[in-house]
């Protein structure tokens, strides 16, 4: 079973872009990341886990949005700043 964060950007006409992806989060990261994405106008499409008794407890957060590419990148950076991911 893969454990990977995926961030997809696609250019759209008129200078906008769309993002979609799947963040793998530790349980204490879920609420801060969800709050940050929503504050930046990013829609959460699913939050779930794959294991019954996984350790550490992992959650998968799916997201989607359309906006200016810079705003989308800033939203994702702000969300990732709420995690323990290495930079």
PDB file of N, CA and C in Angstrom:
ATOM      1  N   UNK A   1       0.848  -1.165   0.000  1.00  0.00           N
ATOM      2  CA  UNK A   1       0.000   0.000   0.000  1.00  0.00           C
ATOM      3  C   UNK A   1       0.898   1.233   0.000  1.00  0.00           C
ATOM      4  N   UNK A   2       0.634   2.151  -0.902  1.00  0.00           N
ATOM      5  CA  UNK A   2       1.427   3.370  -0.988  1.00  0.00           C
ATOM      6  C   UNK A   2       0.998   4.416   0.022  1.00  0.00           C
ATOM      7  N   UNK A   3       1.956   5.147   0.504  1.00  0.00           N
ATOM      8  CA  UNK A   3       1.700   6.283   1.391  1.00  0.00           C
ATOM      9  C   UNK A   3       2.418   7.470   0.754  1.00  0.00           C
ATOM     10  N   UNK A   4       1.652   8.273   0.008  1.00  0.00           N
ATOM     11  CA  UNK A   4       2.283   9.364  -0.728  1.00  0.00           C
ATOM     12  C   UNK A   4       1.329  10.549  -0.816  1.00  0.00           C
ATOM     13  N   UNK A   5       1.875  11.734  -0.692  1.00  0.00           N
ATOM     14  CA  UNK A   5       1.124  12.967  -0.932  1.00  0.00           C
ATOM     15  C   UNK A   5       1.270  13.315  -2.406  1.00  0.00           C
ATOM     16  N   UNK A   6       0.140  13.656  -3.022  1.00  0.00           N
ATOM     17  CA  UNK A   6       0.122  13.993  -4.444  1.00  0.00           C
ATOM     18  C   UNK A   6      -0.489  15.375  -4.605  1.00  0.00           C
ATOM     19  N   UNK A   7       0.219  16.259  -5.313  1.00  0.00           N
ATOM     20  CA  UNK A   7      -0.269  17.604  -5.608  1.00  0.00           C
ATOM     21  C   UNK A   7      -0.278  17.780  -7.119  1.00  0.00           C
ATOM     22  N   UNK A   8      -1.450  17.945  -7.717  1.00  0.00           N
ATOM     23  CA  UNK A   8      -1.582  18.090  -9.168  1.00  0.00           C
ATOM     24  C   UNK A   8      -2.034  19.493  -9.525  1.00  0.00           C
ATOM     25  N   UNK A   9      -1.305  20.143 -10.433  1.00  0.00           N
ATOM     26  CA  UNK A   9      -1.669  21.439 -10.989  1.00  0.00           C
ATOM     27  C   UNK A   9      -1.967  21.259 -12.463  1.00  0.00           C
ATOM     28  N   UNK A  10      -2.993  21.954 -12.963  1.00  0.00           N
ATOM     29  CA  UNK A  10      -3.259  21.961 -14.400  1.00  0.00           C
ATOM     30  C   UNK A  10      -3.644  23.372 -14.813  1.00  0.00           C
ATOM     31  N   UNK A  11      -2.966  23.872 -15.829  1.00  0.00           N
ATOM     32  CA  UNK A  11      -3.281  25.206 -16.355  1.00  0.00           C
ATOM     33  C   UNK A  11      -4.651  25.200 -17.014  1.00  0.00           C
ATOM     34  N   UNK A  12      -5.357  26.317 -16.868  1.00  0.00           N
ATOM     35  CA  UNK A  12      -6.661  26.506 -17.497  1.00  0.00           C
ATOM     36  C   UNK A  12      -6.613  27.767 -18.354  1.00  0.00           C
ATOM     37  N   UNK A  13      -7.554  27.909 -19.258  1.00  0.00           N
ATOM     38  CA  UNK A  13      -7.615  29.141 -20.042  1.00  0.00           C
ATOM     39  C   UNK A  13      -7.814  30.355 -19.128  1.00  0.00           C
ATOM     40  N   UNK A  14      -7.492  31.525 -19.636  1.00  0.00           N
ATOM     41  CA  UNK A  14      -7.684  32.781 -18.911  1.00  0.00           C
ATOM     42  C   UNK A  14      -6.711  32.957 -17.746  1.00  0.00           C
ATOM     43  N   UNK A  15      -5.662  32.121 -17.662  1.00  0.00           N
ATOM     44  CA  UNK A  15      -4.641  32.307 -16.651  1.00  0.00           C
ATOM     45  C   UNK A  15      -4.884  31.628 -15.323  1.00  0.00           C
ATOM     46  N   UNK A  16      -6.013  30.977 -15.157  1.00  0.00           N
ATOM     47  CA  UNK A  16      -6.273  30.240 -13.920  1.00  0.00           C
ATOM     48  C   UNK A  16      -5.646  28.851 -13.981  1.00  0.00           C
ATOM     49  N   UNK A  17      -5.749  28.150 -12.870  1.00  0.00           N
ATOM     50  CA  UNK A  17      -5.282  26.764 -12.788  1.00  0.00           C
ATOM     51  C   UNK A  17      -6.239  26.012 -11.885  1.00  0.00           C
ATOM     52  N   UNK A  18      -6.148  24.713 -11.952  1.00  0.00           N
ATOM     53  CA  UNK A  18      -6.888  23.866 -11.015  1.00  0.00           C
ATOM     54  C   UNK A  18      -5.884  23.011 -10.266  1.00  0.00           C
ATOM     55  N   UNK A  19      -6.211  22.734  -9.007  1.00  0.00           N
ATOM     56  CA  UNK A  19      -5.401  21.802  -8.222  1.00  0.00           C
ATOM     57  C   UNK A  19      -6.298  20.699  -7.706  1.00  0.00           C
ATOM     58  N   UNK A  20      -5.716  19.550  -7.584  1.00  0.00           N
ATOM     59  CA  UNK A  20      -6.367  18.431  -6.932  1.00  0.00           C
ATOM     60  C   UNK A  20      -5.258  17.571  -6.349  1.00  0.00           C
ATOM     61  N   UNK A  21      -5.590  16.779  -5.378  1.00  0.00           N
ATOM     62  CA  UNK A  21      -4.554  15.938  -4.803  1.00  0.00           C
ATOM     63  C   UNK A  21      -5.013  15.227  -3.561  1.00  0.00           C
ATOM     64  N   UNK A  22      -4.036  14.634  -2.915  1.00  0.00           N
ATOM     65  CA  UNK A  22      -4.258  13.764  -1.777  1.00  0.00           C
ATOM     66  C   UNK A  22      -3.111  13.997  -0.801  1.00  0.00           C
ATOM     67  N   UNK A  23      -3.414  14.534   0.376  1.00  0.00           N
ATOM     68  CA  UNK A  23      -2.407  14.743   1.406  1.00  0.00           C
ATOM     69  C   UNK A  23      -2.470  13.589   2.405  1.00  0.00           C
ATOM     70  N   UNK A  24      -1.330  13.050   2.773  1.00  0.00           N
ATOM     71  CA  UNK A  24      -1.257  12.025   3.816  1.00  0.00           C
ATOM     72  C   UNK A  24      -0.870  12.746   5.100  1.00  0.00           C
ATOM     73  N   UNK A  25      -1.725  12.630   6.114  1.00  0.00           N
ATOM     74  CA  UNK A  25      -1.546  13.402   7.335  1.00  0.00           C
ATOM     75  C   UNK A  25      -1.588  12.524   8.578  1.00  0.00           C
ATOM     76  N   UNK A  26      -0.818  12.921   9.574  1.00  0.00           N
ATOM     77  CA  UNK A  26      -0.940  12.325  10.899  1.00  0.00           C
ATOM     78  C   UNK A  26      -2.222  12.861  11.535  1.00  0.00           C
ATOM     79  N   UNK A  27      -2.817  12.107  12.448  1.00  0.00           N
ATOM     80  CA  UNK A  27      -4.106  12.525  12.999  1.00  0.00           C
ATOM     81  C   UNK A  27      -4.111  13.930  13.595  1.00  0.00           C
ATOM     82  N   UNK A  28      -3.050  14.395  14.301  1.00  0.00           N
ATOM     83  CA  UNK A  28      -3.117  15.766  14.828  1.00  0.00           C
ATOM     84  C   UNK A  28      -2.999  16.850  13.759  1.00  0.00           C
ATOM     85  N   UNK A  29      -2.629  16.490  12.540  1.00  0.00           N
ATOM     86  CA  UNK A  29      -2.478  17.461  11.459  1.00  0.00           C
ATOM     87  C   UNK A  29      -3.781  17.718  10.702  1.00  0.00           C
ATOM     88  N   UNK A  30      -4.754  16.821  10.835  1.00  0.00           N
ATOM     89  CA  UNK A  30      -5.964  16.881  10.015  1.00  0.00           C
ATOM     90  C   UNK A  30      -6.716  18.198  10.194  1.00  0.00           C
ATOM     91  N   UNK A  31      -7.069  18.571  11.402  1.00  0.00           N
ATOM     92  CA  UNK A  31      -7.859  19.788  11.610  1.00  0.00           C
ATOM     93  C   UNK A  31      -7.115  21.056  11.212  1.00  0.00           C
ATOM     94  N   UNK A  32      -5.840  21.251  11.591  1.00  0.00           N
ATOM     95  CA  UNK A  32      -5.142  22.465  11.156  1.00  0.00           C
ATOM     96  C   UNK A  32      -5.019  22.569   9.629  1.00  0.00           C
ATOM     97  N   UNK A  33      -4.750  21.461   8.968  1.00  0.00           N
ATOM     98  CA  UNK A  33      -4.629  21.485   7.504  1.00  0.00           C
ATOM     99  C   UNK A  33      -5.984  21.765   6.862  1.00  0.00           C
ATOM    100  N   UNK A  34      -7.034  21.117   7.344  1.00  0.00           N
ATOM    101  CA  UNK A  34      -8.380  21.349   6.800  1.00  0.00           C
ATOM    102  C   UNK A  34      -8.781  22.807   6.972  1.00  0.00           C
ATOM    103  N   UNK A  35      -8.555  23.352   8.140  1.00  0.00           N
ATOM    104  CA  UNK A  35      -8.895  24.745   8.416  1.00  0.00           C
ATOM    105  C   UNK A  35      -8.120  25.687   7.471  1.00  0.00           C
ATOM    106  N   UNK A  36      -6.844  25.435   7.298  1.00  0.00           N
ATOM    107  CA  UNK A  36      -6.008  26.282   6.444  1.00  0.00           C
ATOM    108  C   UNK A  36      -6.457  26.223   4.992  1.00  0.00           C
ATOM    109  N   UNK A  37      -6.719  25.034   4.482  1.00  0.00           N
ATOM    110  CA  UNK A  37      -7.183  24.920   3.098  1.00  0.00           C
ATOM    111  C   UNK A  37      -8.500  25.658   2.899  1.00  0.00           C
ATOM    112  N   UNK A  38      -9.432  25.472   3.811  1.00  0.00           N
ATOM    113  CA  UNK A  38     -10.739  26.143   3.693  1.00  0.00           C
ATOM    114  C   UNK A  38     -10.584  27.659   3.762  1.00  0.00           C
ATOM    115  N   UNK A  39      -9.683  28.152   4.625  1.00  0.00           N
ATOM    116  CA  UNK A  39      -9.446  29.596   4.724  1.00  0.00           C
ATOM    117  C   UNK A  39      -8.909  30.169   3.414  1.00  0.00           C
ATOM    118  N   UNK A  40      -8.257  29.336   2.627  1.00  0.00           N
ATOM    119  CA  UNK A  40      -7.723  29.752   1.336  1.00  0.00           C
ATOM    120  C   UNK A  40      -8.665  29.404   0.176  1.00  0.00           C
ATOM    121  N   UNK A  41      -9.880  28.986   0.471  1.00  0.00           N
ATOM    122  CA  UNK A  41     -10.867  28.719  -0.564  1.00  0.00           C
ATOM    123  C   UNK A  41     -10.728  27.391  -1.274  1.00  0.00           C
ATOM    124  N   UNK A  42      -9.974  26.461  -0.686  1.00  0.00           N
ATOM    125  CA  UNK A  42      -9.788  25.142  -1.292  1.00  0.00           C
ATOM    126  C   UNK A  42     -10.854  24.196  -0.727  1.00  0.00           C
ATOM    127  N   UNK A  43     -11.549  23.493  -1.614  1.00  0.00           N
ATOM    128  CA  UNK A  43     -12.585  22.545  -1.199  1.00  0.00           C
ATOM    129  C   UNK A  43     -11.969  21.217  -0.789  1.00  0.00           C
ATOM    130  N   UNK A  44     -12.447  20.666   0.317  1.00  0.00           N
ATOM    131  CA  UNK A  44     -12.061  19.324   0.743  1.00  0.00           C
ATOM    132  C   UNK A  44     -13.104  18.367   0.193  1.00  0.00           C
ATOM    133  N   UNK A  45     -12.662  17.344  -0.529  1.00  0.00           N
ATOM    134  CA  UNK A  45     -13.605  16.424  -1.154  1.00  0.00           C
ATOM    135  C   UNK A  45     -13.705  15.094  -0.418  1.00  0.00           C
ATOM    136  N   UNK A  46     -12.722  14.780   0.421  1.00  0.00           N
ATOM    137  CA  UNK A  46     -12.789  13.547   1.223  1.00  0.00           C
ATOM    138  C   UNK A  46     -11.692  13.560   2.278  1.00  0.00           C
ATOM    139  N   UNK A  47     -12.004  12.981   3.418  1.00  0.00           N
ATOM    140  CA  UNK A  47     -11.016  12.685   4.454  1.00  0.00           C
ATOM    141  C   UNK A  47     -11.313  11.271   4.911  1.00  0.00           C
ATOM    142  N   UNK A  48     -10.295  10.396   4.815  1.00  0.00           N
ATOM    143  CA  UNK A  48     -10.515   8.998   5.176  1.00  0.00           C
ATOM    144  C   UNK A  48      -9.190   8.365   5.567  1.00  0.00           C
ATOM    145  N   UNK A  49      -9.264   7.150   6.033  1.00  0.00           N
ATOM    146  CA  UNK A  49      -8.036   6.406   6.320  1.00  0.00           C
ATOM    147  C   UNK A  49      -8.111   5.045   5.639  1.00  0.00           C
ATOM    148  N   UNK A  50      -6.986   4.384   5.523  1.00  0.00           N
ATOM    149  CA  UNK A  50      -6.910   3.101   4.834  1.00  0.00           C
ATOM    150  C   UNK A  50      -6.737   1.931   5.771  1.00  0.00           C
ATOM    151  N   UNK A  51      -6.354   2.186   7.005  1.00  0.00           N
ATOM    152  CA  UNK A  51      -6.053   1.100   7.933  1.00  0.00           C
ATOM    153  C   UNK A  51      -6.983   1.090   9.127  1.00  0.00           C
ATOM    154  N   UNK A  52      -7.168  -0.071   9.689  1.00  0.00           N
ATOM    155  CA  UNK A  52      -8.009  -0.190  10.874  1.00  0.00           C
ATOM    156  C   UNK A  52      -7.237   0.112  12.152  1.00  0.00           C
ATOM    157  N   UNK A  53      -6.003  -0.353  12.217  1.00  0.00           N
ATOM    158  CA  UNK A  53      -5.201  -0.171  13.426  1.00  0.00           C
ATOM    159  C   UNK A  53      -3.806   0.324  13.075  1.00  0.00           C
ATOM    160  N   UNK A  54      -3.731   1.242  12.126  1.00  0.00           N
ATOM    161  CA  UNK A  54      -2.426   1.713  11.678  1.00  0.00           C
ATOM    162  C   UNK A  54      -1.740   2.546  12.768  1.00  0.00           C
ATOM    163  N   UNK A  55      -0.437   2.437  12.783  1.00  0.00           N
ATOM    164  CA  UNK A  55       0.390   3.215  13.702  1.00  0.00           C
ATOM    165  C   UNK A  55       1.607   3.686  12.932  1.00  0.00           C
ATOM    166  N   UNK A  56       1.802   4.977  12.813  1.00  0.00           N
ATOM    167  CA  UNK A  56       0.945   6.035  13.339  1.00  0.00           C
ATOM    168  C   UNK A  56      -0.372   6.110  12.573  1.00  0.00           C
ATOM    169  N   UNK A  57      -1.345   6.747  13.166  1.00  0.00           N
ATOM    170  CA  UNK A  57      -2.672   6.888  12.555  1.00  0.00           C
ATOM    171  C   UNK A  57      -2.559   7.875  11.396  1.00  0.00           C
ATOM    172  N   UNK A  58      -2.865   7.425  10.177  1.00  0.00           N
ATOM    173  CA  UNK A  58      -2.757   8.245   8.972  1.00  0.00           C
ATOM    174  C   UNK A  58      -4.129   8.515   8.370  1.00  0.00           C
ATOM    175  N   UNK A  59      -4.295   9.739   7.872  1.00  0.00           N
ATOM    176  CA  UNK A  59      -5.524  10.124   7.183  1.00  0.00           C
ATOM    177  C   UNK A  59      -5.159  10.692   5.825  1.00  0.00           C
ATOM    178  N   UNK A  60      -6.051  10.499   4.874  1.00  0.00           N
ATOM    179  CA  UNK A  60      -5.868  10.947   3.497  1.00  0.00           C
ATOM    180  C   UNK A  60      -6.905  12.028   3.227  1.00  0.00           C
ATOM    181  N   UNK A  61      -6.417  13.221   2.880  1.00  0.00           N
ATOM    182  CA  UNK A  61      -7.291  14.362   2.644  1.00  0.00           C
ATOM    183  C   UNK A  61      -7.223  14.725   1.160  1.00  0.00           C
ATOM    184  N   UNK A  62      -8.359  14.640   0.487  1.00  0.00           N
ATOM    185  CA  UNK A  62      -8.460  14.990  -0.925  1.00  0.00           C
ATOM    186  C   UNK A  62      -8.981  16.419  -1.037  1.00  0.00           C
ATOM    187  N   UNK A  63      -8.456  17.166  -2.001  1.00  0.00           N
ATOM    188  CA  UNK A  63      -8.829  18.564  -2.151  1.00  0.00           C
ATOM    189  C   UNK A  63      -8.948  18.918  -3.621  1.00  0.00           C
ATOM    190  N   UNK A  64      -9.582  20.073  -3.883  1.00  0.00           N
ATOM    191  CA  UNK A  64      -9.783  20.552  -5.247  1.00  0.00           C
ATOM    192  C   UNK A  64     -10.071  22.042  -5.209  1.00  0.00           C
ATOM    193  N   UNK A  65      -9.558  22.784  -6.194  1.00  0.00           N
ATOM    194  CA  UNK A  65      -9.854  24.210  -6.294  1.00  0.00           C
ATOM    195  C   UNK A  65      -9.455  24.739  -7.664  1.00  0.00           C
ATOM    196  N   UNK A  66     -10.053  25.871  -8.033  1.00  0.00           N
ATOM    197  CA  UNK A  66      -9.695  26.606  -9.245  1.00  0.00           C
ATOM    198  C   UNK A  66      -9.456  28.047  -8.832  1.00  0.00           C
ATOM    199  N   UNK A  67      -8.316  28.610  -9.245  1.00  0.00           N
ATOM    200  CA  UNK A  67      -7.989  29.996  -8.911  1.00  0.00           C
ATOM    201  C   UNK A  67      -6.715  30.376  -9.662  1.00  0.00           C
ATOM    202  N   UNK A  68      -6.182  31.521  -9.326  1.00  0.00           N
ATOM    203  CA  UNK A  68      -4.903  31.950  -9.894  1.00  0.00           C
ATOM    204  C   UNK A  68      -3.811  31.003  -9.387  1.00  0.00           C
ATOM    205  N   UNK A  69      -2.871  30.608 -10.243  1.00  0.00           N
ATOM    206  CA  UNK A  69      -1.834  29.651  -9.832  1.00  0.00           C
ATOM    207  C   UNK A  69      -1.078  30.072  -8.574  1.00  0.00           C
ATOM    208  N   UNK A  70      -0.760  31.357  -8.449  1.00  0.00           N
ATOM    209  CA  UNK A  70      -0.021  31.831  -7.273  1.00  0.00           C
ATOM    210  C   UNK A  70      -0.836  31.639  -6.002  1.00  0.00           C
ATOM    211  N   UNK A  71      -2.135  31.952  -6.059  1.00  0.00           N
ATOM    212  CA  UNK A  71      -2.992  31.779  -4.881  1.00  0.00           C
ATOM    213  C   UNK A  71      -3.103  30.305  -4.488  1.00  0.00           C
ATOM    214  N   UNK A  72      -3.185  29.429  -5.486  1.00  0.00           N
ATOM    215  CA  UNK A  72      -3.267  27.994  -5.199  1.00  0.00           C
ATOM    216  C   UNK A  72      -1.977  27.489  -4.561  1.00  0.00           C
ATOM    217  N   UNK A  73      -0.842  27.929  -5.094  1.00  0.00           N
ATOM    218  CA  UNK A  73       0.444  27.523  -4.526  1.00  0.00           C
ATOM    219  C   UNK A  73       0.586  28.027  -3.096  1.00  0.00           C
ATOM    220  N   UNK A  74       0.145  29.257  -2.833  1.00  0.00           N
ATOM    221  CA  UNK A  74       0.202  29.797  -1.475  1.00  0.00           C
ATOM    222  C   UNK A  74      -0.688  29.004  -0.525  1.00  0.00           C
ATOM    223  N   UNK A  75      -1.849  28.583  -0.994  1.00  0.00           N
ATOM    224  CA  UNK A  75      -2.760  27.779  -0.166  1.00  0.00           C
ATOM    225  C   UNK A  75      -2.118  26.441   0.203  1.00  0.00           C
ATOM    226  N   UNK A  76      -1.511  25.792  -0.785  1.00  0.00           N
ATOM    227  CA  UNK A  76      -0.871  24.505  -0.506  1.00  0.00           C
ATOM    228  C   UNK A  76       0.334  24.664   0.414  1.00  0.00           C
ATOM    229  N   UNK A  77       1.121  25.714   0.224  1.00  0.00           N
ATOM    230  CA  UNK A  77       2.258  25.950   1.111  1.00  0.00           C
ATOM    231  C   UNK A  77       1.776  26.175   2.546  1.00  0.00           C
ATOM    232  N   UNK A  78       0.730  26.987   2.705  1.00  0.00           N
ATOM    233  CA  UNK A  78       0.190  27.250   4.044  1.00  0.00           C
ATOM    234  C   UNK A  78      -0.305  25.962   4.698  1.00  0.00           C
ATOM    235  N   UNK A  79      -0.933  25.090   3.907  1.00  0.00           N
ATOM    236  CA  UNK A  79      -1.411  23.814   4.446  1.00  0.00           C
ATOM    237  C   UNK A  79      -0.239  22.918   4.836  1.00  0.00           C
ATOM    238  N   UNK A  80       0.750  22.819   3.964  1.00  0.00           N
ATOM    239  CA  UNK A  80       1.917  21.976   4.264  1.00  0.00           C
ATOM    240  C   UNK A  80       2.702  22.511   5.466  1.00  0.00           C
ATOM    241  N   UNK A  81       2.658  23.823   5.682  1.00  0.00           N
ATOM    242  CA  UNK A  81       3.318  24.403   6.859  1.00  0.00           C
ATOM    243  C   UNK A  81       2.676  23.938   8.165  1.00  0.00           C
ATOM    244  N   UNK A  82       1.455  23.399   8.087  1.00  0.00           N
ATOM    245  CA  UNK A  82       0.780  22.883   9.279  1.00  0.00           C
ATOM    246  C   UNK A  82       1.139  21.433   9.576  1.00  0.00           C
ATOM    247  N   UNK A  83       2.044  20.869   8.787  1.00  0.00           N
ATOM    248  CA  UNK A  83       2.422  19.456   8.953  1.00  0.00           C
ATOM    249  C   UNK A  83       3.864  19.340   9.426  1.00  0.00           C
ATOM    250  N   UNK A  84       4.230  18.134   9.736  1.00  0.00           N
ATOM    251  CA  UNK A  84       5.623  17.863  10.123  1.00  0.00           C
ATOM    252  C   UNK A  84       6.468  17.425   8.924  1.00  0.00           C
ATOM    253  N   UNK A  85       5.955  17.650   7.708  1.00  0.00           N
ATOM    254  CA  UNK A  85       6.688  17.284   6.499  1.00  0.00           C
ATOM    255  C   UNK A  85       8.012  18.031   6.435  1.00  0.00           C
ATOM    256  N   UNK A  86       9.023  17.350   5.953  1.00  0.00           N
ATOM    257  CA  UNK A  86      10.347  17.988   5.781  1.00  0.00           C
ATOM    258  C   UNK A  86      10.322  18.887   4.570  1.00  0.00           C
ATOM    259  N   UNK A  87      11.066  19.982   4.656  1.00  0.00           N
ATOM    260  CA  UNK A  87      11.148  20.911   3.527  1.00  0.00           C
ATOM    261  C   UNK A  87      12.445  20.738   2.818  1.00  0.00           C
TER     262      UNK A  87
END
